[in-house]
Amino acid sequence: MIFNRLPDLVEMDSNSTLPGGHMTLGHILGDLNTKTFFTYTGSLTTPGCAEAVTWHVFPEPLPIAFENIEKFWNIQDANGDQMTDNYRPLQELNGRVILYRGGSY
């Protein structure tokens, strides 16, 4: 699983090979219901926050064990510093339309 490889990916430009050679989004999402979601056009979360992303947000959170979350805390930026506070405050809607996709297909 990807969380087992995170210790290999601490430094910028590092890489690791997954057993089996590939991974799908389904490997990460598990049995999360992906048929119901919200979607909107938004922005990147890194500066300059360019509005160039279509976000899909599931109503239920993806459960991740705390010990796996901790592994992300060691990842470093280009200066070798731990990446902390890598979030930003909620943004204004700025006229965005939020769509909801429910049910099955």
Protein backbone atom coordinates (compact mmCIF):
# COMPACT_ATOMS: atom_id res chain seq x y z
CA MET A 1 0.00 0.00 0.00
CA ILE A 2 1.13 3.56 -0.65
CA PHE A 3 1.42 4.40 3.05
CA ASN A 4 4.16 1.80 3.44
CA ARG A 5 6.20 3.64 0.78
CA LEU A 6 5.87 7.16 2.24
CA PRO A 7 9.07 6.82 4.34
CA ASP A 8 10.91 6.35 1.00
CA LEU A 9 9.42 9.60 -0.32
CA VAL A 10 10.48 12.10 2.34
CA GLU A 11 12.97 14.11 0.28
CA MET A 12 11.97 16.14 -2.76
CA ASP A 13 12.35 14.25 -6.06
CA SER A 14 12.63 10.89 -4.30
CA ASN A 15 10.74 7.92 -5.68
CA SER A 16 9.72 4.40 -4.80
CA THR A 17 8.34 1.39 -6.63
CA LEU A 18 5.07 -0.18 -5.55
CA PRO A 19 4.82 -3.95 -5.32
CA GLY A 20 2.95 -5.15 -8.40
CA GLY A 21 4.15 -2.10 -10.33
CA HIS A 22 0.94 -0.07 -10.45
CA MET A 23 -1.79 1.42 -8.36
CA THR A 24 -5.28 2.63 -9.19
CA LEU A 25 -7.41 5.24 -7.47
CA GLY A 26 -9.55 2.33 -6.30
CA HIS A 27 -6.59 1.03 -4.28
CA ILE A 28 -6.61 4.27 -2.28
CA LEU A 29 -10.36 4.81 -2.02
CA GLY A 30 -11.21 1.22 -1.08
CA ASP A 31 -14.95 0.73 -0.61
CA LEU A 32 -15.74 4.45 -0.43
CA ASN A 33 -18.97 5.21 -2.31
CA THR A 34 -17.72 7.09 -5.38
CA LYS A 35 -21.15 7.31 -7.04
CA THR A 36 -22.27 10.20 -4.86
CA PHE A 37 -20.20 13.39 -4.81
CA PHE A 38 -20.13 17.16 -5.06
CA THR A 39 -18.18 18.78 -7.89
CA TYR A 40 -17.12 22.31 -8.71
CA THR A 41 -14.51 24.22 -10.66
CA GLY A 42 -11.96 25.58 -8.24
CA SER A 43 -8.35 26.43 -7.79
CA LEU A 44 -5.06 24.80 -6.95
CA THR A 45 -4.19 24.81 -3.26
CA THR A 46 -0.67 26.11 -3.83
CA PRO A 47 0.30 29.75 -4.50
CA GLY A 48 -0.90 31.45 -6.99
CA CYS A 49 -4.02 29.30 -6.53
CA ALA A 50 -4.76 29.22 -10.26
CA GLU A 51 -8.39 28.38 -11.00
CA ALA A 52 -7.60 25.32 -13.11
CA VAL A 53 -9.04 22.34 -11.19
CA THR A 54 -12.31 20.45 -11.14
CA TRP A 55 -12.79 19.18 -7.59
CA HIS A 56 -14.82 16.10 -6.66
CA VAL A 57 -15.70 15.90 -2.97
CA PHE A 58 -17.30 12.84 -1.42
CA PRO A 59 -19.87 13.35 1.36
CA GLU A 60 -18.21 10.70 3.52
CA PRO A 61 -14.59 11.10 4.65
CA LEU A 62 -12.01 8.56 3.63
CA PRO A 63 -10.88 6.86 6.84
CA ILE A 64 -7.10 6.90 7.25
CA ALA A 65 -5.37 5.49 10.31
CA PHE A 66 -3.53 8.05 12.44
CA GLU A 67 -0.20 6.21 12.03
CA ASN A 68 -0.54 6.66 8.26
CA ILE A 69 -1.33 10.38 8.61
CA GLU A 70 1.85 10.75 10.69
CA LYS A 71 3.92 9.48 7.75
CA PHE A 72 2.92 12.54 5.71
CA TRP A 73 4.36 14.85 8.40
CA ASN A 74 7.94 13.90 7.49
CA ILE A 75 7.69 14.88 3.82
CA GLN A 76 10.05 17.74 2.99
CA ASP A 77 9.84 20.70 0.65
CA ALA A 78 12.53 21.85 -1.80
CA ASN A 79 14.53 23.40 1.09
CA GLY A 80 14.54 20.19 3.13
CA ASP A 81 12.03 21.62 5.61
CA GLN A 82 9.05 19.63 6.79
CA MET A 83 5.91 20.67 4.98
CA THR A 84 3.64 22.10 7.64
CA ASP A 85 0.59 24.30 7.51
CA ASN A 86 -0.01 23.08 3.96
CA TYR A 87 -3.59 24.19 3.93
CA ARG A 88 -5.39 27.42 3.32
CA PRO A 89 -8.56 28.99 4.68
CA LEU A 90 -11.93 28.42 3.06
CA GLN A 91 -12.31 30.53 -0.05
CA GLU A 92 -15.25 32.60 -1.21
CA LEU A 93 -17.54 30.97 -3.79
CA ASN A 94 -16.70 33.68 -6.36
CA GLY A 95 -19.73 32.71 -8.43
CA ARG A 96 -18.86 28.99 -8.55
CA VAL A 97 -21.68 26.53 -9.03
CA ILE A 98 -21.51 23.44 -6.84
CA LEU A 99 -23.15 20.38 -8.37
CA TYR A 100 -24.29 17.24 -6.58
CA ARG A 101 -24.25 13.78 -8.13
CA GLY A 102 -26.36 11.27 -6.23
CA GLY A 103 -27.51 7.75 -6.77
CA SER A 104 -26.11 4.99 -8.88
CA TYR A 105 -25.11 4.69 -12.51
